[in-house]
Amino acid sequence: MEVPFDKGRNYSLPWMSGFAGIGINKKVFKKLTGKSEIKSIDDLWDPKLKGRITVLSEMRDTMGLIMMSQGKDIGNFTDADFQDALAVLKDKVDSGQVRQVTGNGYLPELESGAIAASTAWSGDVDGNPDLAWFVPESGATYWTDNMLIPALASHKTNAEKAMNFYYDPENAGRLIAGGVTYVTPVPSAKPTVQKLDAELAKNPLIFPSEQFLANTQIFKVLTAEENDNYTQLFNDVVGA
């Protein structure tokens, strides 16, 4: 996977990838809405859920999901598209529909039932029988975290060895079986996962099919100026 910050991938490798969609506490969501599943971002704005939802503080995921719900391509959107989505978010924050804007802090509240639903990362919710994670009908965002070697690293060789270690199929498979339930950049780890946990090997949130990926989008690469501008606009709305 080519990235603009490291052409040729000489100083970086993908660590794990994942998706942002919607997570629910099954019992609480059913009690409040009468439904067992959530189908769209717009469903989060149900008045029955007022004060019982959170959204992610990661601008690209929250804004990406809202823009996608408005029919926009988040790989190629305009300032006007961003502002339209931001207006929706501002309305929901100001009205109290959104209880809180959080990073990983949403998970304990979702598990306890303090909140009924949240925009959520796939690997956080997966595996908890009390929770469920859904891809909205308009799609999920698809992101990648990277392993990076700093420009002035004094132990570059050690960093490269660590990267190679995690890219060994056996090691990558054990990492997944140990509980890191995100998309692995090492597809050849699947046989190891199959031996250790056959159900995990079937999990599309770890080994997604082309059909699954077709309903996801990657947020476009921003210039430094765009990133600063969009982040500031987002933070002004969420109070960061």
C-alpha atoms as a PDB file:
ATOM      1  CA  MET A   1       0.000   0.000   0.000  1.00  0.00           C
ATOM      2  CA  GLU A   2       1.598   3.243  -1.185  1.00  0.00           C
ATOM      3  CA  VAL A   3       1.426   6.256   1.125  1.00  0.00           C
ATOM      4  CA  PRO A   4       2.295   9.880   0.310  1.00  0.00           C
ATOM      5  CA  PHE A   5       4.518  10.324   3.359  1.00  0.00           C
ATOM      6  CA  ASP A   6       6.845   7.441   2.413  1.00  0.00           C
ATOM      7  CA  LYS A   7       7.065   6.707  -1.299  1.00  0.00           C
ATOM      8  CA  GLY A   8       8.299   3.165  -1.793  1.00  0.00           C
ATOM      9  CA  ARG A   9       7.669   2.281   1.858  1.00  0.00           C
ATOM     10  CA  ASN A  10      11.331   2.590   2.825  1.00  0.00           C
ATOM     11  CA  TYR A  11      10.694   3.766   6.400  1.00  0.00           C
ATOM     12  CA  SER A  12       7.227   2.483   7.245  1.00  0.00           C
ATOM     13  CA  LEU A  13       4.931  -0.528   7.044  1.00  0.00           C
ATOM     14  CA  PRO A  14       1.236  -0.980   7.818  1.00  0.00           C
ATOM     15  CA  TRP A  15       0.724  -2.174  11.384  1.00  0.00           C
ATOM     16  CA  MET A  16      -2.994  -2.902  11.438  1.00  0.00           C
ATOM     17  CA  SER A  17      -6.035  -1.657   9.567  1.00  0.00           C
ATOM     18  CA  GLY A  18      -9.591  -1.347  10.741  1.00  0.00           C
ATOM     19  CA  PHE A  19     -13.007   0.100  10.180  1.00  0.00           C
ATOM     20  CA  ALA A  20     -15.182   2.733  11.797  1.00  0.00           C
ATOM     21  CA  GLY A  21     -18.866   1.894  11.869  1.00  0.00           C
ATOM     22  CA  ILE A  22     -21.513   1.739  14.592  1.00  0.00           C
ATOM     23  CA  GLY A  23     -21.362  -0.222  17.827  1.00  0.00           C
ATOM     24  CA  ILE A  24     -24.351  -0.902  20.052  1.00  0.00           C
ATOM     25  CA  ASN A  25     -25.048  -2.335  23.478  1.00  0.00           C
ATOM     26  CA  LYS A  26     -27.568  -4.912  22.309  1.00  0.00           C
ATOM     27  CA  LYS A  27     -29.713  -4.977  25.451  1.00  0.00           C
ATOM     28  CA  VAL A  28     -29.881  -1.212  25.994  1.00  0.00           C
ATOM     29  CA  PHE A  29     -30.346  -0.393  22.309  1.00  0.00           C
ATOM     30  CA  LYS A  30     -33.213  -2.892  22.072  1.00  0.00           C
ATOM     31  CA  LYS A  31     -34.835  -1.476  25.213  1.00  0.00           C
ATOM     32  CA  LEU A  32     -34.697   2.112  23.946  1.00  0.00           C
ATOM     33  CA  THR A  33     -35.548   1.602  20.274  1.00  0.00           C
ATOM     34  CA  GLY A  34     -37.226  -1.794  20.043  1.00  0.00           C
ATOM     35  CA  LYS A  35     -34.657  -2.771  17.401  1.00  0.00           C
ATOM     36  CA  SER A  36     -31.931  -5.395  17.358  1.00  0.00           C
ATOM     37  CA  GLU A  37     -29.700  -3.728  14.796  1.00  0.00           C
ATOM     38  CA  ILE A  38     -28.779  -0.313  13.514  1.00  0.00           C
ATOM     39  CA  LYS A  39     -28.657   0.335   9.792  1.00  0.00           C
ATOM     40  CA  SER A  40     -27.513   3.897   9.272  1.00  0.00           C
ATOM     41  CA  ILE A  41     -25.776   6.894  10.768  1.00  0.00           C
ATOM     42  CA  ASP A  42     -29.146   8.654  10.649  1.00  0.00           C
ATOM     43  CA  ASP A  43     -30.457   6.012  13.083  1.00  0.00           C
ATOM     44  CA  LEU A  44     -28.114   7.502  15.695  1.00  0.00           C
ATOM     45  CA  TRP A  45     -30.204  10.669  15.562  1.00  0.00           C
ATOM     46  CA  ASP A  46     -33.351   8.859  16.754  1.00  0.00           C
ATOM     47  CA  PRO A  47     -34.831  10.997  19.590  1.00  0.00           C
ATOM     48  CA  LYS A  48     -35.119   7.816  21.667  1.00  0.00           C
ATOM     49  CA  LEU A  49     -31.318   7.771  21.820  1.00  0.00           C
ATOM     50  CA  LYS A  50     -30.900  11.380  22.935  1.00  0.00           C
ATOM     51  CA  GLY A  51     -28.020  11.637  25.379  1.00  0.00           C
ATOM     52  CA  ARG A  52     -27.208   7.948  24.984  1.00  0.00           C
ATOM     53  CA  ILE A  53     -24.794   8.030  22.037  1.00  0.00           C
ATOM     54  CA  THR A  54     -21.191   9.091  21.522  1.00  0.00           C
ATOM     55  CA  VAL A  55     -19.115   9.794  18.437  1.00  0.00           C
ATOM     56  CA  LEU A  56     -15.408   9.317  17.870  1.00  0.00           C
ATOM     57  CA  SER A  57     -12.974  12.175  18.398  1.00  0.00           C
ATOM     58  CA  GLU A  58     -11.064  10.992  15.319  1.00  0.00           C
ATOM     59  CA  MET A  59     -12.110  13.627  12.782  1.00  0.00           C
ATOM     60  CA  ARG A  60     -11.638  11.425   9.726  1.00  0.00           C
ATOM     61  CA  ASP A  61     -13.877   8.668  11.042  1.00  0.00           C
ATOM     62  CA  THR A  62     -16.713  10.753  12.451  1.00  0.00           C
ATOM     63  CA  MET A  63     -16.817  13.222   9.572  1.00  0.00           C
ATOM     64  CA  GLY A  64     -16.210  10.443   7.086  1.00  0.00           C
ATOM     65  CA  LEU A  65     -19.193   8.442   8.324  1.00  0.00           C
ATOM     66  CA  ILE A  66     -21.477  11.483   8.264  1.00  0.00           C
ATOM     67  CA  MET A  67     -20.355  12.520   4.776  1.00  0.00           C
ATOM     68  CA  MET A  68     -20.861   8.971   3.517  1.00  0.00           C
ATOM     69  CA  SER A  69     -24.376   8.997   4.972  1.00  0.00           C
ATOM     70  CA  GLN A  70     -24.975  12.083   2.831  1.00  0.00           C
ATOM     71  CA  GLY A  71     -23.876  10.236  -0.283  1.00  0.00           C
ATOM     72  CA  LYS A  72     -20.414  11.785  -0.533  1.00  0.00           C
ATOM     73  CA  ASP A  73     -17.185  10.103  -1.609  1.00  0.00           C
ATOM     74  CA  ILE A  74     -14.777  10.694   1.266  1.00  0.00           C
ATOM     75  CA  GLY A  75     -11.882   9.989  -1.043  1.00  0.00           C
ATOM     76  CA  ASN A  76     -12.802  13.053  -3.071  1.00  0.00           C
ATOM     77  CA  PHE A  77     -14.925  15.567  -1.174  1.00  0.00           C
ATOM     78  CA  THR A  78     -15.137  19.360  -1.216  1.00  0.00           C
ATOM     79  CA  ASP A  79     -15.041  22.011   1.497  1.00  0.00           C
ATOM     80  CA  ALA A  80     -18.799  22.370   1.029  1.00  0.00           C
ATOM     81  CA  ASP A  81     -19.291  18.634   1.601  1.00  0.00           C
ATOM     82  CA  PHE A  82     -17.307  18.869   4.830  1.00  0.00           C
ATOM     83  CA  GLN A  83     -19.292  21.892   6.003  1.00  0.00           C
ATOM     84  CA  ASP A  84     -22.607  20.148   5.285  1.00  0.00           C
ATOM     85  CA  ALA A  85     -21.570  17.193   7.439  1.00  0.00           C
ATOM     86  CA  LEU A  86     -20.194  19.491  10.120  1.00  0.00           C
ATOM     87  CA  ALA A  87     -23.555  21.255  10.340  1.00  0.00           C
ATOM     88  CA  VAL A  88     -25.200  17.916  11.146  1.00  0.00           C
ATOM     89  CA  LEU A  89     -22.637  17.139  13.826  1.00  0.00           C
ATOM     90  CA  LYS A  90     -22.966  20.605  15.369  1.00  0.00           C
ATOM     91  CA  ASP A  91     -26.736  20.250  15.567  1.00  0.00           C
ATOM     92  CA  LYS A  92     -26.479  16.873  17.297  1.00  0.00           C
ATOM     93  CA  VAL A  93     -23.819  18.055  19.754  1.00  0.00           C
ATOM     94  CA  ASP A  94     -25.609  21.310  20.583  1.00  0.00           C
ATOM     95  CA  SER A  95     -28.979  19.597  21.032  1.00  0.00           C
ATOM     96  CA  GLY A  96     -27.586  17.002  23.439  1.00  0.00           C
ATOM     97  CA  GLN A  97     -28.310  14.104  21.096  1.00  0.00           C
ATOM     98  CA  VAL A  98     -24.595  13.308  21.321  1.00  0.00           C
ATOM     99  CA  ARG A  99     -23.638  12.666  24.929  1.00  0.00           C
ATOM    100  CA  GLN A 100     -19.891  12.909  24.388  1.00  0.00           C
ATOM    101  CA  VAL A 101     -17.130  12.955  21.783  1.00  0.00           C
ATOM    102  CA  THR A 102     -14.479  10.419  22.784  1.00  0.00           C
ATOM    103  CA  GLY A 103     -11.480   8.374  21.767  1.00  0.00           C
ATOM    104  CA  ASN A 104     -11.308   4.812  23.078  1.00  0.00           C
ATOM    105  CA  GLY A 105     -13.084   6.031  26.217  1.00  0.00           C
ATOM    106  CA  TYR A 106     -16.448   5.162  24.705  1.00  0.00           C
ATOM    107  CA  LEU A 107     -15.955   1.432  25.211  1.00  0.00           C
ATOM    108  CA  PRO A 108     -16.496   1.184  29.020  1.00  0.00           C
ATOM    109  CA  GLU A 109     -19.666   3.276  28.700  1.00  0.00           C
ATOM    110  CA  LEU A 110     -20.924   1.105  25.855  1.00  0.00           C
ATOM    111  CA  GLU A 111     -20.178  -2.048  27.836  1.00  0.00           C
ATOM    112  CA  SER A 112     -21.904  -0.726  30.971  1.00  0.00           C
ATOM    113  CA  GLY A 113     -24.957   0.492  29.071  1.00  0.00           C
ATOM    114  CA  ALA A 114     -24.437   4.151  29.966  1.00  0.00           C
ATOM    115  CA  ILE A 115     -24.597   4.696  26.227  1.00  0.00           C
ATOM    116  CA  ALA A 116     -26.640   2.625  23.801  1.00  0.00           C
ATOM    117  CA  ALA A 117     -24.692   3.264  20.617  1.00  0.00           C
ATOM    118  CA  SER A 118     -21.564   4.896  19.293  1.00  0.00           C
ATOM    119  CA  THR A 119     -19.569   5.362  16.169  1.00  0.00           C
ATOM    120  CA  ALA A 120     -17.010   2.697  16.954  1.00  0.00           C
ATOM    121  CA  TRP A 121     -13.876   0.936  15.769  1.00  0.00           C
ATOM    122  CA  SER A 122     -14.352  -2.639  14.644  1.00  0.00           C
ATOM    123  CA  GLY A 123     -11.640  -4.208  16.792  1.00  0.00           C
ATOM    124  CA  ASP A 124     -12.896  -2.584  19.992  1.00  0.00           C
ATOM    125  CA  VAL A 125     -16.352  -4.125  19.871  1.00  0.00           C
ATOM    126  CA  ASP A 126     -15.600  -7.438  18.193  1.00  0.00           C
ATOM    127  CA  GLY A 127     -15.645 -10.421  20.537  1.00  0.00           C
ATOM    128  CA  ASN A 128     -17.875  -8.941  23.261  1.00  0.00           C
ATOM    129  CA  PRO A 129     -21.176 -10.894  23.305  1.00  0.00           C
ATOM    130  CA  ASP A 130     -23.059  -7.953  24.836  1.00  0.00           C
ATOM    131  CA  LEU A 131     -22.102  -5.639  21.987  1.00  0.00           C
ATOM    132  CA  ALA A 132     -22.580  -5.682  18.232  1.00  0.00           C
ATOM    133  CA  TRP A 133     -20.826  -3.774  15.462  1.00  0.00           C
ATOM    134  CA  PHE A 134     -22.441  -2.793  12.171  1.00  0.00           C
ATOM    135  CA  VAL A 135     -21.374  -1.401   8.827  1.00  0.00           C
ATOM    136  CA  PRO A 136     -23.856   1.376   8.005  1.00  0.00           C
ATOM    137  CA  GLU A 137     -25.731   0.972   4.720  1.00  0.00           C
ATOM    138  CA  SER A 138     -23.721   3.916   3.391  1.00  0.00           C
ATOM    139  CA  GLY A 139     -20.476   2.139   4.302  1.00  0.00           C
ATOM    140  CA  ALA A 140     -17.683   2.134   6.872  1.00  0.00           C
ATOM    141  CA  THR A 141     -14.445   4.085   6.880  1.00  0.00           C
ATOM    142  CA  TYR A 142     -11.271   2.064   6.304  1.00  0.00           C
ATOM    143  CA  TRP A 143      -8.040   3.223   7.929  1.00  0.00           C
ATOM    144  CA  THR A 144      -4.504   2.010   8.545  1.00  0.00           C
ATOM    145  CA  ASP A 145      -2.097   2.590  11.425  1.00  0.00           C
ATOM    146  CA  ASN A 146       1.563   2.385  10.500  1.00  0.00           C
ATOM    147  CA  MET A 147       4.881   1.354  12.018  1.00  0.00           C
ATOM    148  CA  LEU A 148       7.350   4.175  11.349  1.00  0.00           C
ATOM    149  CA  ILE A 149      11.105   4.612  11.619  1.00  0.00           C
ATOM    150  CA  PRO A 150      11.906   8.215  12.704  1.00  0.00           C
ATOM    151  CA  ALA A 151      14.160  10.163  10.344  1.00  0.00           C
ATOM    152  CA  LEU A 152      16.975  10.444  12.907  1.00  0.00           C
ATOM    153  CA  ALA A 153      16.543   7.006  14.455  1.00  0.00           C
ATOM    154  CA  SER A 154      19.786   5.815  16.059  1.00  0.00           C
ATOM    155  CA  HIS A 155      18.692   2.155  16.020  1.00  0.00           C
ATOM    156  CA  LYS A 156      17.202   1.820  12.546  1.00  0.00           C
ATOM    157  CA  THR A 157      18.308  -1.805  12.209  1.00  0.00           C
ATOM    158  CA  ASN A 158      16.491  -2.780  15.408  1.00  0.00           C
ATOM    159  CA  ALA A 159      13.328  -1.117  14.139  1.00  0.00           C
ATOM    160  CA  GLU A 160      13.588  -3.036  10.875  1.00  0.00           C
ATOM    161  CA  LYS A 161      14.037  -6.292  12.805  1.00  0.00           C
ATOM    162  CA  ALA A 162      10.912  -5.557  14.839  1.00  0.00           C
ATOM    163  CA  MET A 163       8.933  -4.880  11.664  1.00  0.00           C
ATOM    164  CA  ASN A 164      10.180  -8.111  10.120  1.00  0.00           C
ATOM    165  CA  PHE A 165       9.214  -9.985  13.285  1.00  0.00           C
ATOM    166  CA  TYR A 166       5.606  -8.828  13.084  1.00  0.00           C
ATOM    167  CA  TYR A 167       5.465  -9.567   9.357  1.00  0.00           C
ATOM    168  CA  ASP A 168       6.441 -13.196   9.897  1.00  0.00           C
ATOM    169  CA  PRO A 169       3.208 -15.142   9.212  1.00  0.00           C
ATOM    170  CA  GLU A 170       3.538 -17.271  12.354  1.00  0.00           C
ATOM    171  CA  ASN A 171       4.085 -14.254  14.585  1.00  0.00           C
ATOM    172  CA  ALA A 172       1.322 -12.270  12.887  1.00  0.00           C
ATOM    173  CA  GLY A 173      -1.055 -15.183  13.382  1.00  0.00           C
ATOM    174  CA  ARG A 174      -0.245 -15.498  17.071  1.00  0.00           C
ATOM    175  CA  LEU A 175      -0.784 -11.751  17.496  1.00  0.00           C
ATOM    176  CA  ILE A 176      -4.282 -12.052  16.071  1.00  0.00           C
ATOM    177  CA  ALA A 177      -5.114 -15.140  18.124  1.00  0.00           C
ATOM    178  CA  GLY A 178      -3.887 -13.247  21.178  1.00  0.00           C
ATOM    179  CA  GLY A 179      -6.652 -10.681  20.797  1.00  0.00           C
ATOM    180  CA  VAL A 180      -5.595  -8.044  18.246  1.00  0.00           C
ATOM    181  CA  THR A 181      -8.742  -8.279  16.144  1.00  0.00           C
ATOM    182  CA  TYR A 182      -7.980  -5.790  13.399  1.00  0.00           C
ATOM    183  CA  VAL A 183      -7.151  -6.342   9.730  1.00  0.00           C
ATOM    184  CA  THR A 184      -3.709  -7.868   9.471  1.00  0.00           C
ATOM    185  CA  PRO A 185      -1.330  -6.673   6.740  1.00  0.00           C
ATOM    186  CA  VAL A 186      -0.082 -10.281   6.557  1.00  0.00           C
ATOM    187  CA  PRO A 187      -2.752 -12.364   4.759  1.00  0.00           C
ATOM    188  CA  SER A 188      -0.444 -15.383   4.917  1.00  0.00           C
ATOM    189  CA  ALA A 189      -1.038 -15.407   8.690  1.00  0.00           C
ATOM    190  CA  LYS A 190      -4.437 -16.997   8.099  1.00  0.00           C
ATOM    191  CA  PRO A 191      -3.269 -20.657   8.273  1.00  0.00           C
ATOM    192  CA  THR A 192      -1.709 -19.987  11.686  1.00  0.00           C
ATOM    193  CA  VAL A 193      -4.896 -18.312  12.902  1.00  0.00           C
ATOM    194  CA  GLN A 194      -6.893 -21.230  11.516  1.00  0.00           C
ATOM    195  CA  LYS A 195      -4.894 -23.628  13.674  1.00  0.00           C
ATOM    196  CA  LEU A 196      -5.151 -21.486  16.805  1.00  0.00           C
ATOM    197  CA  ASP A 197      -8.746 -20.256  16.492  1.00  0.00           C
ATOM    198  CA  ALA A 198     -10.803 -21.388  13.508  1.00  0.00           C
ATOM    199  CA  GLU A 199     -13.581 -18.853  14.166  1.00  0.00           C
ATOM    200  CA  LEU A 200     -11.168 -15.923  14.059  1.00  0.00           C
ATOM    201  CA  ALA A 201      -9.946 -17.089  10.663  1.00  0.00           C
ATOM    202  CA  LYS A 202     -13.500 -16.582   9.351  1.00  0.00           C
ATOM    203  CA  ASN A 203     -13.807 -13.072  10.792  1.00  0.00           C
ATOM    204  CA  PRO A 204     -14.228 -10.468   8.000  1.00  0.00           C
ATOM    205  CA  LEU A 205     -12.959  -7.757  10.355  1.00  0.00           C
ATOM    206  CA  ILE A 206      -9.563  -9.500  10.298  1.00  0.00           C
ATOM    207  CA  PHE A 207      -9.570 -11.098   6.846  1.00  0.00           C
ATOM    208  CA  PRO A 208     -12.063  -8.981   4.859  1.00  0.00           C
ATOM    209  CA  SER A 209     -13.317 -10.170   1.490  1.00  0.00           C
ATOM    210  CA  GLU A 210     -13.366  -7.965  -1.593  1.00  0.00           C
ATOM    211  CA  GLN A 211     -17.153  -7.814  -1.212  1.00  0.00           C
ATOM    212  CA  PHE A 212     -16.797  -6.523   2.350  1.00  0.00           C
ATOM    213  CA  LEU A 213     -14.189  -3.937   1.347  1.00  0.00           C
ATOM    214  CA  ALA A 214     -16.426  -2.729  -1.481  1.00  0.00           C
ATOM    215  CA  ASN A 215     -18.667  -1.161   1.170  1.00  0.00           C
ATOM    216  CA  THR A 216     -15.851   0.830   2.768  1.00  0.00           C
ATOM    217  CA  GLN A 217     -14.109   4.073   1.868  1.00  0.00           C
ATOM    218  CA  ILE A 218     -10.722   5.578   2.674  1.00  0.00           C
ATOM    219  CA  PHE A 219     -10.597   9.230   3.740  1.00  0.00           C
ATOM    220  CA  LYS A 220      -8.675  11.279   1.215  1.00  0.00           C
ATOM    221  CA  VAL A 221      -5.086  12.331   1.893  1.00  0.00           C
ATOM    222  CA  LEU A 222      -5.099  15.907   3.177  1.00  0.00           C
ATOM    223  CA  THR A 223      -2.491  18.576   2.681  1.00  0.00           C
ATOM    224  CA  ALA A 224      -1.043  20.027   5.880  1.00  0.00           C
ATOM    225  CA  GLU A 225      -3.184  23.123   5.381  1.00  0.00           C
ATOM    226  CA  GLU A 226      -6.352  21.100   4.803  1.00  0.00           C
ATOM    227  CA  ASN A 227      -5.653  18.939   7.828  1.00  0.00           C
ATOM    228  CA  ASP A 228      -5.160  21.967  10.081  1.00  0.00           C
ATOM    229  CA  ASN A 229      -8.292  23.640   8.740  1.00  0.00           C
ATOM    230  CA  TYR A 230     -10.605  20.628   8.953  1.00  0.00           C
ATOM    231  CA  THR A 231      -9.276  19.615  12.358  1.00  0.00           C
ATOM    232  CA  GLN A 232      -9.841  23.111  13.740  1.00  0.00           C
ATOM    233  CA  LEU A 233     -13.382  23.257  12.353  1.00  0.00           C
ATOM    234  CA  PHE A 234     -14.126  19.845  13.852  1.00  0.00           C
ATOM    235  CA  ASN A 235     -12.593  20.726  17.224  1.00  0.00           C
ATOM    236  CA  ASP A 236     -14.581  23.960  17.376  1.00  0.00           C
ATOM    237  CA  VAL A 237     -17.778  21.919  17.129  1.00  0.00           C
ATOM    238  CA  VAL A 238     -16.871  19.116  19.532  1.00  0.00           C
ATOM    239  CA  GLY A 239     -15.198  21.371  22.087  1.00  0.00           C
ATOM    240  CA  ALA A 240     -11.741  19.828  21.857  1.00  0.00           C
END
